[in-house]
Amino acid sequence: MVSPIFLYRYRYNNCSGFVYYNGYILCNIISFVSYSNKEEGLDWNDIIKKEARGTNDEDLGEVQEVGDSYVLTKKGLINRDKFYLPKYLVEGYDGEVIRFRVSEEEAKNSFVRDSAPTGDEYSKFKRSNMPQDIETRIPVMGEKLNISKTQSTQEAKITKEPITEKKTVEVPLTHEELTIERRPVTKGSATTNEKPVTSKTEVNIPLKHDEVQVSKEPYVKEEVAVKKKPVTETKTVTDEVRSERVNVHGASED
């Protein structure tokens, strides 16, 4: 009876089973172990000098170096190809072979180079279900100003108040006055039956004159038209916002 040394859970297409890491495989198909347990992760130092394989079990050489975003493998004896394979394409590791989601032809066309990738050059290969040991995402938070507008109502009051002023108007007035004119009497009109008065007698003669009567009549002097129009002005709003800065210690920052 073969005593198992390590026991791995694996999956290949729709097949599930167990693999004993002493070379005794309990399945009649070629399989590999997927490090699908994101919590345990992958010890990248453990894959140095281990064999790298691509899709269809194609040889991608031996692992020489592990960087922030790549795995460097070398293949060949004299003119050795240097593959800078993205970490993000790793599919699984069974303790001896690390497997990538890339064919040998794709690796030669895209990842054979003389120097390591820089910055986020390989970020395009990231997947949404990326294991945490390959990529740790730290949200960098910040605040932004959200400006909104609300309408408020103010009342504008229009008042009328009385104003008193003096008006002077010249009015022509007519009145009658007495004038005395003495005339000689002709002989024919000198005879009369009247006798001279024996006492003081008054003769009333009516005299007419104009009097001023003042009355006031309201009229529309002018009209005041009150209108409303929108006026747009720019207000400067200033406030403090907070953000975060990420400092990386003990490792290079992508």
Protein backbone atom coordinates (compact mmCIF):
# COMPACT_ATOMS: atom_id res chain seq x y z
CA MET A 1 0.00 0.00 0.00
CA VAL A 2 1.34 3.36 -0.95
CA SER A 3 1.28 5.82 1.92
CA PRO A 4 0.24 9.28 0.79
CA ILE A 5 2.59 12.15 1.62
CA PHE A 6 0.42 15.09 0.53
CA LEU A 7 -3.21 15.11 -0.46
CA TYR A 8 -4.47 17.74 -2.91
CA ARG A 9 -7.95 18.51 -4.16
CA TYR A 10 -7.96 19.01 -7.91
CA ARG A 11 -10.34 19.65 -10.74
CA TYR A 12 -9.90 19.02 -14.45
CA ASN A 13 -12.82 20.04 -16.66
CA ASN A 14 -15.81 18.36 -14.97
CA CYS A 15 -13.81 15.62 -13.20
CA SER A 16 -13.10 15.71 -9.44
CA GLY A 17 -10.84 13.34 -7.47
CA PHE A 18 -7.73 13.10 -5.33
CA VAL A 19 -4.02 13.08 -6.19
CA TYR A 20 -1.36 11.59 -3.93
CA TYR A 21 1.81 13.62 -4.19
CA ASN A 22 4.18 10.61 -4.14
CA GLY A 23 3.46 9.94 -7.82
CA TYR A 24 0.47 7.70 -7.26
CA ILE A 25 -2.41 9.34 -9.18
CA LEU A 26 -5.94 8.11 -8.56
CA CYS A 27 -7.28 9.10 -11.97
CA ASN A 28 -6.71 7.91 -15.50
CA ILE A 29 -6.40 11.42 -16.97
CA ILE A 30 -3.66 14.02 -16.90
CA SER A 31 -4.56 16.41 -14.14
CA PHE A 32 -3.08 19.19 -12.10
CA VAL A 33 -3.75 20.69 -8.71
CA SER A 34 -5.32 24.12 -8.59
CA TYR A 35 -4.45 26.29 -5.59
CA SER A 36 -8.07 27.40 -5.50
CA ASN A 37 -7.95 28.03 -1.74
CA LYS A 38 -7.45 31.78 -1.89
CA GLU A 39 -6.93 32.03 1.87
CA GLU A 40 -3.87 29.73 1.89
CA GLY A 41 -2.37 31.33 -1.23
CA LEU A 42 0.83 30.36 -3.05
CA ASP A 43 4.36 30.57 -1.65
CA TRP A 44 6.15 32.13 -4.59
CA ASN A 45 9.57 31.31 -3.16
CA ASP A 46 8.64 27.64 -3.41
CA ILE A 47 8.37 27.69 -7.22
CA ILE A 48 12.02 28.71 -7.85
CA LYS A 49 13.80 26.04 -9.94
CA LYS A 50 10.47 24.33 -10.56
CA GLU A 51 9.12 23.33 -13.96
CA ALA A 52 6.74 25.67 -15.77
CA ARG A 53 4.09 24.32 -18.10
CA GLY A 54 1.57 25.98 -20.40
CA THR A 55 -1.70 24.86 -21.91
CA ASN A 56 -1.65 21.33 -23.41
CA ASP A 57 1.27 20.58 -21.02
CA GLU A 58 3.75 22.54 -23.18
CA ASP A 59 7.20 23.14 -21.68
CA LEU A 60 7.87 26.76 -20.67
CA GLY A 61 11.22 26.13 -19.00
CA GLU A 62 12.40 26.41 -15.42
CA VAL A 63 11.45 29.17 -12.98
CA GLN A 64 14.44 31.44 -12.25
CA GLU A 65 12.94 34.50 -10.58
CA VAL A 66 9.65 35.87 -9.26
CA GLY A 67 8.90 39.59 -9.50
CA ASP A 68 6.04 41.78 -8.45
CA SER A 69 3.94 40.94 -11.50
CA TYR A 70 5.91 38.28 -13.41
CA VAL A 71 7.54 34.86 -13.21
CA LEU A 72 10.83 34.53 -15.13
CA THR A 73 11.49 31.14 -16.74
CA LYS A 74 14.33 29.99 -18.97
CA LYS A 75 14.14 27.27 -21.57
CA GLY A 76 16.91 25.68 -23.57
CA LEU A 77 20.56 24.83 -23.09
CA ILE A 78 22.60 27.31 -25.12
CA ASN A 79 20.41 30.05 -26.54
CA ARG A 80 17.91 29.97 -23.71
CA ASP A 81 14.57 31.72 -24.14
CA LYS A 82 13.64 34.04 -21.29
CA PHE A 83 9.90 34.08 -20.62
CA TYR A 84 8.61 36.90 -18.43
CA LEU A 85 5.23 35.33 -17.74
CA PRO A 86 2.53 37.35 -15.94
CA LYS A 87 1.67 36.08 -12.46
CA TYR A 88 -1.94 36.72 -13.37
CA LEU A 89 -1.89 33.80 -15.82
CA VAL A 90 -0.96 31.19 -13.20
CA GLU A 91 -3.56 28.40 -13.08
CA GLY A 92 -2.15 26.00 -10.51
CA TYR A 93 0.82 24.50 -8.72
CA ASP A 94 1.15 20.88 -7.53
CA GLY A 95 4.45 21.22 -5.70
CA GLU A 96 6.57 20.32 -8.73
CA VAL A 97 4.98 22.01 -11.75
CA ILE A 98 3.49 25.46 -12.00
CA ARG A 99 1.01 25.87 -14.80
CA PHE A 100 0.08 28.96 -16.81
CA ARG A 101 -2.95 29.83 -18.92
CA VAL A 102 -0.81 30.42 -22.02
CA SER A 103 0.50 28.28 -24.85
CA GLU A 104 4.17 28.00 -25.79
CA GLU A 105 3.51 29.89 -29.01
CA GLU A 106 1.75 32.70 -27.15
CA ALA A 107 4.58 32.85 -24.65
CA LYS A 108 7.18 33.15 -27.44
CA ASN A 109 5.18 35.85 -29.21
CA SER A 110 4.28 37.95 -26.17
CA PHE A 111 6.57 37.25 -23.24
CA VAL A 112 10.06 36.58 -24.62
CA ARG A 113 12.07 39.68 -23.73
CA ASP A 114 15.40 40.84 -22.32
CA SER A 115 14.16 42.86 -19.35
CA ALA A 116 11.42 42.60 -16.75
CA PRO A 117 8.12 44.44 -17.24
CA THR A 118 7.77 47.75 -15.47
CA GLY A 119 4.90 49.44 -13.68
CA ASP A 120 1.46 48.15 -14.51
CA GLU A 121 2.48 46.78 -17.91
CA TYR A 122 0.96 43.38 -17.07
CA SER A 123 -2.14 44.75 -15.36
CA LYS A 124 -4.18 43.99 -18.48
CA PHE A 125 -3.90 40.29 -17.62
CA LYS A 126 -5.62 40.71 -14.25
CA ARG A 127 -8.79 38.71 -13.67
CA SER A 128 -11.76 39.48 -11.44
CA ASN A 129 -11.19 36.24 -9.47
CA MET A 130 -7.48 36.91 -8.98
CA PRO A 131 -6.02 35.02 -5.98
CA GLN A 132 -5.07 37.33 -3.14
CA ASP A 133 -1.46 36.11 -3.09
CA ILE A 134 -1.04 37.41 -6.66
CA GLU A 135 -2.75 40.72 -6.19
CA THR A 136 -3.87 42.60 -3.09
CA ARG A 137 -6.25 45.41 -3.82
CA ILE A 138 -6.25 48.25 -1.32
CA PRO A 139 -8.94 50.84 -1.94
CA VAL A 140 -7.60 54.36 -1.66
CA MET A 141 -10.45 56.47 -0.41
CA GLY A 142 -11.08 60.12 -1.01
CA GLU A 143 -13.79 62.68 -0.64
CA LYS A 144 -15.26 64.90 -3.29
CA LEU A 145 -17.57 67.83 -3.10
CA ASN A 146 -21.13 67.22 -4.24
CA ILE A 147 -22.84 70.51 -4.98
CA SER A 148 -26.60 70.67 -5.05
CA LYS A 149 -29.04 73.57 -5.21
CA THR A 150 -32.21 74.19 -3.27
CA GLN A 151 -34.72 76.96 -3.84
CA SER A 152 -35.79 79.32 -1.10
CA THR A 153 -38.46 82.02 -1.32
CA GLN A 154 -38.06 85.60 -0.24
CA GLU A 155 -40.78 88.24 -0.40
CA ALA A 156 -40.30 91.61 -2.02
CA LYS A 157 -42.71 94.19 -0.63
CA ILE A 158 -44.08 97.06 -2.70
CA THR A 159 -45.57 99.89 -0.64
CA LYS A 160 -47.33 103.15 -1.49
CA GLU A 161 -47.24 106.11 0.85
CA PRO A 162 -48.94 109.51 0.60
CA ILE A 163 -46.88 112.53 -0.33
CA THR A 164 -48.30 116.01 0.26
CA GLU A 165 -47.18 118.91 -1.84
CA LYS A 166 -48.53 122.39 -2.55
CA LYS A 167 -49.92 123.27 -5.92
CA THR A 168 -50.38 126.87 -7.06
CA VAL A 169 -52.86 127.58 -9.84
CA GLU A 170 -53.73 131.03 -11.23
CA VAL A 171 -57.49 131.38 -11.77
CA PRO A 172 -58.98 134.46 -13.53
CA LEU A 173 -61.96 135.79 -11.59
CA THR A 174 -64.53 138.30 -12.89
CA HIS A 175 -66.58 140.68 -10.75
CA GLU A 176 -68.83 143.68 -11.35
CA GLU A 177 -68.10 147.12 -10.08
CA LEU A 178 -70.25 150.28 -10.02
CA THR A 179 -69.33 153.26 -12.08
CA ILE A 180 -71.06 156.63 -11.67
CA GLU A 181 -71.77 158.58 -14.78
CA ARG A 182 -73.70 161.82 -14.68
CA ARG A 183 -75.61 162.90 -17.80
CA PRO A 184 -77.62 166.08 -18.52
CA VAL A 185 -81.40 165.65 -18.93
CA THR A 186 -83.07 166.73 -22.11
CA LYS A 187 -86.10 168.88 -21.99
CA GLY A 188 -88.52 166.28 -23.13
CA SER A 189 -87.54 163.76 -20.44
CA ALA A 190 -87.27 166.28 -17.56
CA THR A 191 -91.01 166.02 -16.58
CA THR A 192 -91.85 163.27 -14.03
CA ASN A 193 -94.46 162.63 -11.38
CA GLU A 194 -91.89 161.59 -8.81
CA LYS A 195 -91.07 163.87 -6.00
CA PRO A 196 -87.81 164.30 -4.28
CA VAL A 197 -87.26 161.96 -1.35
CA THR A 198 -87.90 163.35 2.03
CA SER A 199 -85.43 160.97 3.79
CA LYS A 200 -82.42 158.85 3.10
CA THR A 201 -83.29 156.20 0.56
CA GLU A 202 -81.16 153.26 -0.58
CA VAL A 203 -81.21 151.66 -3.98
CA ASN A 204 -79.77 148.13 -4.15
CA ILE A 205 -77.96 147.19 -7.30
CA PRO A 206 -76.79 143.56 -7.52
CA LEU A 207 -73.12 143.11 -8.42
CA LYS A 208 -71.91 139.75 -9.66
CA HIS A 209 -68.48 138.26 -9.06
CA ASP A 210 -66.73 134.90 -9.48
CA GLU A 211 -65.79 132.85 -6.47
CA VAL A 212 -63.09 130.16 -6.31
CA GLN A 213 -64.23 126.67 -5.41
CA VAL A 214 -61.50 124.06 -4.86
CA SER A 215 -62.21 120.34 -5.24
CA LYS A 216 -59.86 117.38 -5.70
CA GLU A 217 -60.34 114.63 -8.24
CA PRO A 218 -58.16 111.47 -8.34
CA TYR A 219 -56.56 110.43 -11.62
CA VAL A 220 -53.93 107.94 -12.79
CA LYS A 221 -50.65 109.77 -12.71
CA GLU A 222 -48.43 106.86 -13.86
CA GLU A 223 -48.13 103.09 -13.75
CA VAL A 224 -45.39 101.03 -12.14
CA ALA A 225 -44.81 97.65 -13.84
CA VAL A 226 -43.30 95.00 -11.54
CA LYS A 227 -41.58 92.07 -13.29
CA LYS A 228 -39.45 89.09 -12.26
CA LYS A 229 -36.43 87.84 -14.19
CA PRO A 230 -33.86 85.14 -13.36
CA VAL A 231 -30.35 86.37 -12.62
CA THR A 232 -27.50 83.84 -12.60
CA GLU A 233 -24.43 84.46 -10.52
CA THR A 234 -21.45 82.26 -9.73
CA LYS A 235 -20.72 81.41 -6.14
CA THR A 236 -17.36 79.99 -5.05
CA VAL A 237 -17.75 77.12 -2.61
CA THR A 238 -14.68 76.13 -0.60
CA ASP A 239 -14.48 73.20 1.79
CA GLU A 240 -11.95 70.66 2.99
CA VAL A 241 -11.91 67.11 1.60
CA ARG A 242 -9.91 64.16 2.84
CA SER A 243 -8.07 61.51 0.85
CA GLU A 244 -5.65 58.69 1.55
CA ARG A 245 -2.04 58.11 0.58
CA VAL A 246 -0.59 54.62 0.33
CA ASN A 247 2.94 54.09 1.60
CA VAL A 248 4.64 50.78 0.83
CA HIS A 249 7.45 49.69 3.13
CA GLY A 250 9.71 46.76 2.52
CA ALA A 251 8.64 46.16 -1.11
CA SER A 252 8.66 47.99 -4.39
CA GLU A 253 5.39 49.68 -5.42
CA ASP A 254 3.87 48.98 -8.84
